[in-house]
PDB file of all heavy atoms in Angstrom:
ATOM      1  N   GLY A   1       0.909  -3.370 -71.764  1.00  0.00           N
ATOM      2  CA  GLY A   1       1.222  -4.659 -71.512  1.00  0.00           C
ATOM      3  C   GLY A   1       2.269  -4.851 -70.391  1.00  0.00           C
ATOM      4  O   GLY A   1       2.925  -5.930 -70.368  1.00  0.00           O
ATOM      5  N   VAL A   2       2.420  -3.839 -69.555  1.00  0.00           N
ATOM      6  CA  VAL A   2       3.402  -3.808 -68.496  1.00  0.00           C
ATOM      7  C   VAL A   2       2.805  -4.467 -67.244  1.00  0.00           C
ATOM      8  O   VAL A   2       2.426  -3.749 -66.278  1.00  0.00           O
ATOM      9  CB  VAL A   2       4.014  -2.438 -68.244  1.00  0.00           C
ATOM     10  CG1 VAL A   2       5.320  -2.473 -67.444  1.00  0.00           C
ATOM     11  CG2 VAL A   2       4.227  -1.613 -69.515  1.00  0.00           C
ATOM     12  N   ARG A   3       2.868  -5.769 -67.198  1.00  0.00           N
ATOM     13  CA  ARG A   3       2.213  -6.642 -66.135  1.00  0.00           C
ATOM     14  C   ARG A   3       2.698  -6.235 -64.780  1.00  0.00           C
ATOM     15  O   ARG A   3       2.002  -6.084 -63.825  1.00  0.00           O
ATOM     16  CB  ARG A   3       2.349  -8.035 -66.491  1.00  0.00           C
ATOM     17  CG  ARG A   3       1.509  -8.544 -67.645  1.00  0.00           C
ATOM     18  CD  ARG A   3       1.868  -9.955 -67.875  1.00  0.00           C
ATOM     19  NE  ARG A   3       1.199 -10.511 -69.155  1.00  0.00           N
ATOM     20  CZ  ARG A   3       1.677 -10.323 -70.412  1.00  0.00           C
ATOM     21  NH1 ARG A   3       2.901  -9.698 -70.489  1.00  0.00           N
ATOM     22  NH2 ARG A   3       1.064 -10.717 -71.474  1.00  0.00           N
ATOM     23  N   ASN A   4       4.054  -6.203 -64.585  1.00  0.00           N
ATOM     24  CA  ASN A   4       4.601  -5.939 -63.305  1.00  0.00           C
ATOM     25  C   ASN A   4       4.240  -4.625 -62.807  1.00  0.00           C
ATOM     26  O   ASN A   4       3.973  -4.517 -61.668  1.00  0.00           O
ATOM     27  CB  ASN A   4       6.136  -6.267 -63.264  1.00  0.00           C
ATOM     28  CG  ASN A   4       6.854  -5.275 -64.200  1.00  0.00           C
ATOM     29  OD1 ASN A   4       6.363  -4.749 -65.184  1.00  0.00           O
ATOM     30  ND2 ASN A   4       8.171  -5.151 -63.883  1.00  0.00           N
ATOM     31  N   ILE A   5       4.132  -3.670 -63.544  1.00  0.00           N
ATOM     32  CA  ILE A   5       3.827  -2.325 -63.254  1.00  0.00           C
ATOM     33  C   ILE A   5       2.335  -2.289 -62.918  1.00  0.00           C
ATOM     34  O   ILE A   5       1.906  -1.648 -61.941  1.00  0.00           O
ATOM     35  CB  ILE A   5       4.334  -1.321 -64.230  1.00  0.00           C
ATOM     36  CG1 ILE A   5       5.827  -1.103 -64.161  1.00  0.00           C
ATOM     37  CG2 ILE A   5       3.560   0.053 -63.937  1.00  0.00           C
ATOM     38  CD1 ILE A   5       6.337  -0.154 -65.151  1.00  0.00           C
ATOM     39  N   LEU A   6       1.551  -2.829 -63.645  1.00  0.00           N
ATOM     40  CA  LEU A   6       0.062  -2.859 -63.390  1.00  0.00           C
ATOM     41  C   LEU A   6      -0.187  -3.642 -62.104  1.00  0.00           C
ATOM     42  O   LEU A   6      -0.947  -3.107 -61.306  1.00  0.00           O
ATOM     43  CB  LEU A   6      -0.609  -3.632 -64.542  1.00  0.00           C
ATOM     44  CG  LEU A   6      -2.211  -3.782 -64.366  1.00  0.00           C
ATOM     45  CD1 LEU A   6      -2.811  -2.379 -64.313  1.00  0.00           C
ATOM     46  CD2 LEU A   6      -2.820  -4.600 -65.540  1.00  0.00           C
ATOM     47  N   ARG A   7       0.560  -4.723 -61.795  1.00  0.00           N
ATOM     48  CA  ARG A   7       0.325  -5.284 -60.541  1.00  0.00           C
ATOM     49  C   ARG A   7       0.643  -4.397 -59.368  1.00  0.00           C
ATOM     50  O   ARG A   7      -0.082  -4.307 -58.391  1.00  0.00           O
ATOM     51  CB  ARG A   7       1.305  -6.599 -60.569  1.00  0.00           C
ATOM     52  CG  ARG A   7       1.023  -7.472 -59.359  1.00  0.00           C
ATOM     53  CD  ARG A   7       1.821  -8.743 -59.463  1.00  0.00           C
ATOM     54  NE  ARG A   7       1.369  -9.614 -60.634  1.00  0.00           N
ATOM     55  CZ  ARG A   7       2.141  -9.776 -61.747  1.00  0.00           C
ATOM     56  NH1 ARG A   7       3.372  -9.178 -61.860  1.00  0.00           N
ATOM     57  NH2 ARG A   7       1.764 -10.452 -62.768  1.00  0.00           N
ATOM     58  N   GLU A   8       1.724  -3.587 -59.492  1.00  0.00           N
ATOM     59  CA  GLU A   8       2.076  -2.726 -58.436  1.00  0.00           C
ATOM     60  C   GLU A   8       1.027  -1.676 -58.207  1.00  0.00           C
ATOM     61  O   GLU A   8       0.669  -1.275 -57.090  1.00  0.00           O
ATOM     62  CB  GLU A   8       3.454  -2.020 -58.731  1.00  0.00           C
ATOM     63  CG  GLU A   8       4.632  -2.923 -58.447  1.00  0.00           C
ATOM     64  CD  GLU A   8       4.748  -3.251 -57.013  1.00  0.00           C
ATOM     65  OE1 GLU A   8       4.651  -2.407 -56.141  1.00  0.00           O
ATOM     66  OE2 GLU A   8       4.910  -4.539 -56.784  1.00  0.00           O
ATOM     67  N   ILE A   9       0.627  -1.045 -59.347  1.00  0.00           N
ATOM     68  CA  ILE A   9      -0.470   0.043 -59.324  1.00  0.00           C
ATOM     69  C   ILE A   9      -1.679  -0.592 -58.680  1.00  0.00           C
ATOM     70  O   ILE A   9      -2.322   0.108 -57.853  1.00  0.00           O
ATOM     71  CB  ILE A   9      -0.733   0.512 -60.683  1.00  0.00           C
ATOM     72  CG1 ILE A   9       0.507   1.303 -61.175  1.00  0.00           C
ATOM     73  CG2 ILE A   9      -1.963   1.357 -60.783  1.00  0.00           C
ATOM     74  CD1 ILE A   9       0.352   1.649 -62.688  1.00  0.00           C
ATOM     75  N   LEU A  10      -2.148  -1.740 -59.024  1.00  0.00           N
ATOM     76  CA  LEU A  10      -3.359  -2.317 -58.595  1.00  0.00           C
ATOM     77  C   LEU A  10      -3.384  -2.653 -57.056  1.00  0.00           C
ATOM     78  O   LEU A  10      -4.376  -2.780 -56.464  1.00  0.00           O
ATOM     79  CB  LEU A  10      -3.855  -3.458 -59.382  1.00  0.00           C
ATOM     80  CG  LEU A  10      -4.355  -3.112 -60.781  1.00  0.00           C
ATOM     81  CD1 LEU A  10      -4.721  -4.317 -61.566  1.00  0.00           C
ATOM     82  CD2 LEU A  10      -5.466  -1.997 -60.824  1.00  0.00           C
ATOM     83  N   LYS A  11      -2.137  -2.745 -56.463  1.00  0.00           N
ATOM     84  CA  LYS A  11      -2.032  -2.850 -55.018  1.00  0.00           C
ATOM     85  C   LYS A  11      -2.672  -1.677 -54.341  1.00  0.00           C
ATOM     86  O   LYS A  11      -2.967  -1.727 -53.121  1.00  0.00           O
ATOM     87  CB  LYS A  11      -0.545  -2.989 -54.568  1.00  0.00           C
ATOM     88  CG  LYS A  11       0.011  -4.316 -55.019  1.00  0.00           C
ATOM     89  CD  LYS A  11       1.521  -4.308 -54.628  1.00  0.00           C
ATOM     90  CE  LYS A  11       2.162  -5.596 -54.981  1.00  0.00           C
ATOM     91  NZ  LYS A  11       3.573  -5.630 -54.640  1.00  0.00           N
ATOM     92  N   GLU A  12      -2.807  -0.506 -55.020  1.00  0.00           N
ATOM     93  CA  GLU A  12      -3.294   0.665 -54.398  1.00  0.00           C
ATOM     94  C   GLU A  12      -4.780   1.009 -55.028  1.00  0.00           C
ATOM     95  O   GLU A  12      -5.271   2.080 -55.064  1.00  0.00           O
ATOM     96  CB  GLU A  12      -2.449   1.795 -54.689  1.00  0.00           C
ATOM     97  CG  GLU A  12      -1.034   1.715 -54.087  1.00  0.00           C
ATOM     98  CD  GLU A  12      -1.016   1.539 -52.578  1.00  0.00           C
ATOM     99  OE1 GLU A  12      -2.009   1.864 -51.927  1.00  0.00           O
ATOM    100  OE2 GLU A  12      -0.060   0.987 -52.108  1.00  0.00           O
ATOM    101  N   ALA A  13      -5.352  -0.103 -55.520  1.00  0.00           N
ATOM    102  CA  ALA A  13      -6.728   0.117 -56.227  1.00  0.00           C
ATOM    103  C   ALA A  13      -7.727   0.756 -55.351  1.00  0.00           C
ATOM    104  O   ALA A  13      -8.691   1.231 -55.903  1.00  0.00           O
ATOM    105  CB  ALA A  13      -7.205  -1.219 -56.883  1.00  0.00           C
ATOM    106  N   HIS A  14      -7.636   0.726 -54.083  1.00  0.00           N
ATOM    107  CA  HIS A  14      -8.575   1.378 -53.172  1.00  0.00           C
ATOM    108  C   HIS A  14      -8.581   2.899 -53.494  1.00  0.00           C
ATOM    109  O   HIS A  14      -9.697   3.461 -53.106  1.00  0.00           O
ATOM    110  CB  HIS A  14      -8.200   1.176 -51.674  1.00  0.00           C
ATOM    111  CG  HIS A  14      -6.866   1.746 -51.365  1.00  0.00           C
ATOM    112  ND1 HIS A  14      -6.756   3.094 -50.947  1.00  0.00           N
ATOM    113  CD2 HIS A  14      -5.634   1.158 -51.500  1.00  0.00           C
ATOM    114  CE1 HIS A  14      -5.399   3.301 -50.705  1.00  0.00           C
ATOM    115  NE2 HIS A  14      -4.713   2.202 -51.104  1.00  0.00           N
ATOM    116  N   ALA A  15      -7.687   3.486 -54.071  1.00  0.00           N
ATOM    117  CA  ALA A  15      -7.703   4.848 -54.389  1.00  0.00           C
ATOM    118  C   ALA A  15      -8.006   5.213 -55.833  1.00  0.00           C
ATOM    119  O   ALA A  15      -8.119   6.319 -56.290  1.00  0.00           O
ATOM    120  CB  ALA A  15      -6.291   5.489 -54.203  1.00  0.00           C
ATOM    121  N   LEU A  16      -8.312   4.161 -56.688  1.00  0.00           N
ATOM    122  CA  LEU A  16      -8.545   4.321 -58.059  1.00  0.00           C
ATOM    123  C   LEU A  16     -10.066   4.728 -58.330  1.00  0.00           C
ATOM    124  O   LEU A  16     -10.909   4.204 -57.755  1.00  0.00           O
ATOM    125  CB  LEU A  16      -8.308   3.014 -58.730  1.00  0.00           C
ATOM    126  CG  LEU A  16      -8.526   2.903 -60.247  1.00  0.00           C
ATOM    127  CD1 LEU A  16      -7.694   3.889 -60.968  1.00  0.00           C
ATOM    128  CD2 LEU A  16      -8.316   1.493 -60.830  1.00  0.00           C
ATOM    129  N   ASP A  17     -10.146   5.675 -59.346  1.00  0.00           N
ATOM    130  CA  ASP A  17     -11.479   6.029 -59.839  1.00  0.00           C
ATOM    131  C   ASP A  17     -11.814   4.960 -60.911  1.00  0.00           C
ATOM    132  O   ASP A  17     -11.423   5.064 -62.108  1.00  0.00           O
ATOM    133  CB  ASP A  17     -11.410   7.384 -60.354  1.00  0.00           C
ATOM    134  CG  ASP A  17     -12.739   7.874 -60.990  1.00  0.00           C
ATOM    135  OD1 ASP A  17     -13.792   6.995 -60.969  1.00  0.00           O
ATOM    136  OD2 ASP A  17     -12.815   8.869 -61.616  1.00  0.00           O
ATOM    137  N   PHE A  18     -12.500   3.869 -60.515  1.00  0.00           N
ATOM    138  CA  PHE A  18     -12.912   2.885 -61.429  1.00  0.00           C
ATOM    139  C   PHE A  18     -13.935   3.394 -62.493  1.00  0.00           C
ATOM    140  O   PHE A  18     -14.082   2.675 -63.546  1.00  0.00           O
ATOM    141  CB  PHE A  18     -13.485   1.615 -60.758  1.00  0.00           C
ATOM    142  CG  PHE A  18     -12.404   0.897 -60.079  1.00  0.00           C
ATOM    143  CD1 PHE A  18     -12.083   1.008 -58.742  1.00  0.00           C
ATOM    144  CD2 PHE A  18     -11.838  -0.249 -60.791  1.00  0.00           C
ATOM    145  CE1 PHE A  18     -11.149   0.230 -58.202  1.00  0.00           C
ATOM    146  CE2 PHE A  18     -10.842  -1.051 -60.234  1.00  0.00           C
ATOM    147  CZ  PHE A  18     -10.553  -0.783 -58.939  1.00  0.00           C
ATOM    148  N   SER A  19     -14.568   4.419 -62.304  1.00  0.00           N
ATOM    149  CA  SER A  19     -15.543   4.947 -63.267  1.00  0.00           C
ATOM    150  C   SER A  19     -14.885   5.815 -64.355  1.00  0.00           C
ATOM    151  O   SER A  19     -15.633   6.107 -65.376  1.00  0.00           O
ATOM    152  CB  SER A  19     -16.588   5.768 -62.556  1.00  0.00           C
ATOM    153  OG  SER A  19     -16.032   6.996 -62.081  1.00  0.00           O
ATOM    154  N   HIS A  20     -13.635   6.038 -64.294  1.00  0.00           N
ATOM    155  CA  HIS A  20     -12.918   6.798 -65.329  1.00  0.00           C
ATOM    156  C   HIS A  20     -12.957   6.176 -66.683  1.00  0.00           C
ATOM    157  O   HIS A  20     -12.780   4.987 -66.844  1.00  0.00           O
ATOM    158  CB  HIS A  20     -11.486   7.181 -64.992  1.00  0.00           C
ATOM    159  CG  HIS A  20     -10.695   7.790 -66.104  1.00  0.00           C
ATOM    160  ND1 HIS A  20     -10.864   9.170 -66.269  1.00  0.00           N
ATOM    161  CD2 HIS A  20      -9.792   7.285 -67.024  1.00  0.00           C
ATOM    162  CE1 HIS A  20     -10.224   9.437 -67.378  1.00  0.00           C
ATOM    163  NE2 HIS A  20      -9.491   8.410 -67.782  1.00  0.00           N
ATOM    164  N   LYS A  21     -13.317   6.938 -67.751  1.00  0.00           N
ATOM    165  CA  LYS A  21     -13.243   6.508 -69.127  1.00  0.00           C
ATOM    166  C   LYS A  21     -12.522   7.577 -69.973  1.00  0.00           C
ATOM    167  O   LYS A  21     -12.678   8.763 -69.581  1.00  0.00           O
ATOM    168  CB  LYS A  21     -14.711   6.456 -69.731  1.00  0.00           C
ATOM    169  CG  LYS A  21     -15.505   5.262 -69.009  1.00  0.00           C
ATOM    170  CD  LYS A  21     -16.876   5.208 -69.566  1.00  0.00           C
ATOM    171  CE  LYS A  21     -17.682   4.138 -68.813  1.00  0.00           C
ATOM    172  NZ  LYS A  21     -18.991   3.906 -69.377  1.00  0.00           N
ATOM    173  N   ASN A  22     -11.771   7.071 -70.912  1.00  0.00           N
ATOM    174  CA  ASN A  22     -11.071   7.995 -71.755  1.00  0.00           C
ATOM    175  C   ASN A  22     -12.026   8.649 -72.780  1.00  0.00           C
ATOM    176  O   ASN A  22     -13.256   8.340 -72.771  1.00  0.00           O
ATOM    177  CB  ASN A  22      -9.875   7.353 -72.447  1.00  0.00           C
ATOM    178  CG  ASN A  22     -10.226   6.356 -73.493  1.00  0.00           C
ATOM    179  OD1 ASN A  22     -11.412   5.998 -73.713  1.00  0.00           O
ATOM    180  ND2 ASN A  22      -9.243   5.846 -74.256  1.00  0.00           N
ATOM    181  N   SER A  23     -11.576   9.405 -73.679  1.00  0.00           N
ATOM    182  CA  SER A  23     -12.444  10.091 -74.717  1.00  0.00           C
ATOM    183  C   SER A  23     -13.153   9.144 -75.582  1.00  0.00           C
ATOM    184  O   SER A  23     -14.183   9.430 -76.264  1.00  0.00           O
ATOM    185  CB  SER A  23     -11.704  11.186 -75.461  1.00  0.00           C
ATOM    186  OG  SER A  23     -10.604  10.571 -76.164  1.00  0.00           O
ATOM    187  N   ASP A  24     -12.646   7.934 -75.744  1.00  0.00           N
ATOM    188  CA  ASP A  24     -13.276   6.881 -76.558  1.00  0.00           C
ATOM    189  C   ASP A  24     -14.297   6.112 -75.787  1.00  0.00           C
ATOM    190  O   ASP A  24     -14.864   5.153 -76.417  1.00  0.00           O
ATOM    191  CB  ASP A  24     -12.206   5.938 -77.142  1.00  0.00           C
ATOM    192  CG  ASP A  24     -11.250   6.588 -78.163  1.00  0.00           C
ATOM    193  OD1 ASP A  24     -11.672   7.510 -78.828  1.00  0.00           O
ATOM    194  OD2 ASP A  24     -10.108   6.216 -78.141  1.00  0.00           O
ATOM    195  N   GLY A  25     -14.439   6.431 -74.568  1.00  0.00           N
ATOM    196  CA  GLY A  25     -15.447   5.771 -73.636  1.00  0.00           C
ATOM    197  C   GLY A  25     -14.900   4.403 -73.130  1.00  0.00           C
ATOM    198  O   GLY A  25     -15.674   3.613 -72.639  1.00  0.00           O
ATOM    199  N   HIS A  26     -13.602   4.262 -73.249  1.00  0.00           N
ATOM    200  CA  HIS A  26     -13.066   2.953 -72.598  1.00  0.00           C
ATOM    201  C   HIS A  26     -12.752   3.126 -71.165  1.00  0.00           C
ATOM    202  O   HIS A  26     -11.997   4.133 -70.766  1.00  0.00           O
ATOM    203  CB  HIS A  26     -11.814   2.570 -73.294  1.00  0.00           C
ATOM    204  CG  HIS A  26     -12.023   2.277 -74.835  1.00  0.00           C
ATOM    205  ND1 HIS A  26     -11.103   2.595 -75.774  1.00  0.00           N
ATOM    206  CD2 HIS A  26     -13.070   1.724 -75.471  1.00  0.00           C
ATOM    207  CE1 HIS A  26     -11.568   2.225 -76.975  1.00  0.00           C
ATOM    208  NE2 HIS A  26     -12.832   1.587 -76.765  1.00  0.00           N
ATOM    209  N   ASP A  27     -13.110   2.185 -70.389  1.00  0.00           N
ATOM    210  CA  ASP A  27     -12.764   2.101 -68.972  1.00  0.00           C
ATOM    211  C   ASP A  27     -11.558   1.133 -68.849  1.00  0.00           C
ATOM    212  O   ASP A  27     -11.131   0.580 -69.797  1.00  0.00           O
ATOM    213  CB  ASP A  27     -13.973   1.756 -68.087  1.00  0.00           C
ATOM    214  CG  ASP A  27     -14.407   0.375 -68.312  1.00  0.00           C
ATOM    215  OD1 ASP A  27     -13.879  -0.438 -69.094  1.00  0.00           O
ATOM    216  OD2 ASP A  27     -15.545   0.042 -67.717  1.00  0.00           O
ATOM    217  N   LEU A  28     -11.107   0.961 -67.629  1.00  0.00           N
ATOM    218  CA  LEU A  28     -10.055   0.068 -67.329  1.00  0.00           C
ATOM    219  C   LEU A  28     -10.224  -1.334 -67.779  1.00  0.00           C
ATOM    220  O   LEU A  28      -9.355  -2.029 -68.417  1.00  0.00           O
ATOM    221  CB  LEU A  28      -9.706   0.026 -65.796  1.00  0.00           C
ATOM    222  CG  LEU A  28      -8.553  -0.855 -65.397  1.00  0.00           C
ATOM    223  CD1 LEU A  28      -7.178  -0.562 -66.159  1.00  0.00           C
ATOM    224  CD2 LEU A  28      -8.279  -0.734 -63.842  1.00  0.00           C
ATOM    225  N   MET A  29     -11.413  -1.881 -67.649  1.00  0.00           N
ATOM    226  CA  MET A  29     -11.719  -3.284 -68.055  1.00  0.00           C
ATOM    227  C   MET A  29     -11.603  -3.391 -69.587  1.00  0.00           C
ATOM    228  O   MET A  29     -11.016  -4.303 -70.071  1.00  0.00           O
ATOM    229  CB  MET A  29     -13.107  -3.715 -67.557  1.00  0.00           C
ATOM    230  CG  MET A  29     -13.417  -5.113 -67.961  1.00  0.00           C
ATOM    231  SD  MET A  29     -12.211  -6.439 -67.457  1.00  0.00           S
ATOM    232  CE  MET A  29     -12.503  -6.357 -65.673  1.00  0.00           C
ATOM    233  N   MET A  30     -12.171  -2.367 -70.305  1.00  0.00           N
ATOM    234  CA  MET A  30     -12.107  -2.373 -71.765  1.00  0.00           C
ATOM    235  C   MET A  30     -10.652  -2.336 -72.216  1.00  0.00           C
ATOM    236  O   MET A  30     -10.165  -3.061 -73.115  1.00  0.00           O
ATOM    237  CB  MET A  30     -12.881  -1.293 -72.393  1.00  0.00           C
ATOM    238  CG  MET A  30     -12.809  -1.200 -73.849  1.00  0.00           C
ATOM    239  SD  MET A  30     -13.352  -2.741 -74.644  1.00  0.00           S
ATOM    240  CE  MET A  30     -15.086  -2.606 -74.450  1.00  0.00           C
ATOM    241  N   VAL A  31      -9.874  -1.505 -71.609  1.00  0.00           N
ATOM    242  CA  VAL A  31      -8.413  -1.384 -71.957  1.00  0.00           C
ATOM    243  C   VAL A  31      -7.732  -2.735 -71.671  1.00  0.00           C
ATOM    244  O   VAL A  31      -6.855  -3.100 -72.422  1.00  0.00           O
ATOM    245  CB  VAL A  31      -7.782  -0.201 -71.182  1.00  0.00           C
ATOM    246  CG1 VAL A  31      -6.247  -0.151 -71.499  1.00  0.00           C
ATOM    247  CG2 VAL A  31      -8.420   1.148 -71.688  1.00  0.00           C
ATOM    248  N   GLY A  32      -8.056  -3.345 -70.584  1.00  0.00           N
ATOM    249  CA  GLY A  32      -7.553  -4.603 -70.301  1.00  0.00           C
ATOM    250  C   GLY A  32      -7.833  -5.628 -71.423  1.00  0.00           C
ATOM    251  O   GLY A  32      -6.949  -6.424 -71.783  1.00  0.00           O
ATOM    252  N   MET A  33      -9.045  -5.639 -71.812  1.00  0.00           N
ATOM    253  CA  MET A  33      -9.499  -6.508 -72.948  1.00  0.00           C
ATOM    254  C   MET A  33      -8.776  -6.201 -74.282  1.00  0.00           C
ATOM    255  O   MET A  33      -8.310  -7.186 -74.885  1.00  0.00           O
ATOM    256  CB  MET A  33     -10.991  -6.406 -73.142  1.00  0.00           C
ATOM    257  CG  MET A  33     -11.711  -7.084 -72.046  1.00  0.00           C
ATOM    258  SD  MET A  33     -13.573  -7.093 -72.417  1.00  0.00           S
ATOM    259  CE  MET A  33     -14.209  -6.980 -70.783  1.00  0.00           C
ATOM    260  N   LEU A  34      -8.503  -5.030 -74.477  1.00  0.00           N
ATOM    261  CA  LEU A  34      -7.722  -4.596 -75.630  1.00  0.00           C
ATOM    262  C   LEU A  34      -6.297  -5.033 -75.600  1.00  0.00           C
ATOM    263  O   LEU A  34      -5.633  -5.310 -76.666  1.00  0.00           O
ATOM    264  CB  LEU A  34      -7.790  -3.103 -75.858  1.00  0.00           C
ATOM    265  CG  LEU A  34      -9.133  -2.448 -76.199  1.00  0.00           C
ATOM    266  CD1 LEU A  34      -8.973  -0.933 -76.208  1.00  0.00           C
ATOM    267  CD2 LEU A  34      -9.598  -2.892 -77.586  1.00  0.00           C
ATOM    268  N   SER A  35      -5.739  -5.306 -74.411  1.00  0.00           N
ATOM    269  CA  SER A  35      -4.416  -5.813 -74.281  1.00  0.00           C
ATOM    270  C   SER A  35      -4.277  -7.255 -74.681  1.00  0.00           C
ATOM    271  O   SER A  35      -3.230  -7.675 -75.062  1.00  0.00           O
ATOM    272  CB  SER A  35      -4.011  -5.763 -72.734  1.00  0.00           C
ATOM    273  OG  SER A  35      -4.553  -6.785 -72.043  1.00  0.00           O
ATOM    274  N   ARG A  36      -5.468  -8.058 -74.811  1.00  0.00           N
ATOM    275  CA  ARG A  36      -5.400  -9.354 -75.200  1.00  0.00           C
ATOM    276  C   ARG A  36      -4.554 -10.277 -74.289  1.00  0.00           C
ATOM    277  O   ARG A  36      -4.204 -11.305 -74.790  1.00  0.00           O
ATOM    278  CB  ARG A  36      -5.089  -9.544 -76.695  1.00  0.00           C
ATOM    279  CG  ARG A  36      -5.981  -8.818 -77.673  1.00  0.00           C
ATOM    280  CD  ARG A  36      -5.800  -9.108 -78.961  1.00  0.00           C
ATOM    281  NE  ARG A  36      -6.720  -8.523 -79.818  1.00  0.00           N
ATOM    282  CZ  ARG A  36      -6.610  -8.104 -81.068  1.00  0.00           C
ATOM    283  NH1 ARG A  36      -5.398  -8.326 -81.669  1.00  0.00           N
ATOM    284  NH2 ARG A  36      -7.491  -7.519 -81.767  1.00  0.00           N
ATOM    285  N   SER A  37      -4.353  -9.830 -73.098  1.00  0.00           N
ATOM    286  CA  SER A  37      -3.569 -10.629 -72.215  1.00  0.00           C
ATOM    287  C   SER A  37      -4.528 -11.039 -71.085  1.00  0.00           C
ATOM    288  O   SER A  37      -5.078 -10.351 -70.356  1.00  0.00           O
ATOM    289  CB  SER A  37      -2.457  -9.789 -71.537  1.00  0.00           C
ATOM    290  OG  SER A  37      -1.907 -10.442 -70.410  1.00  0.00           O
ATOM    291  N   GLN A  38      -4.642 -12.409 -70.945  1.00  0.00           N
ATOM    292  CA  GLN A  38      -5.553 -12.979 -69.928  1.00  0.00           C
ATOM    293  C   GLN A  38      -5.030 -12.605 -68.560  1.00  0.00           C
ATOM    294  O   GLN A  38      -5.826 -12.278 -67.574  1.00  0.00           O
ATOM    295  CB  GLN A  38      -5.734 -14.491 -70.072  1.00  0.00           C
ATOM    296  CG  GLN A  38      -6.776 -15.056 -69.200  1.00  0.00           C
ATOM    297  CD  GLN A  38      -8.156 -14.466 -69.494  1.00  0.00           C
ATOM    298  OE1 GLN A  38      -8.544 -14.491 -70.697  1.00  0.00           O
ATOM    299  NE2 GLN A  38      -8.847 -14.039 -68.545  1.00  0.00           N
TER     300      GLN A  38
END
């Protein structure tokens, strides 16, 4: 839930592997949904 840090990281999203999933099969979008923060 560290919004300011996430914002900084996503400024470099061009370098992000969006296909990455953790061992539970969660990708970035799923983890975002789990945060329950719109």
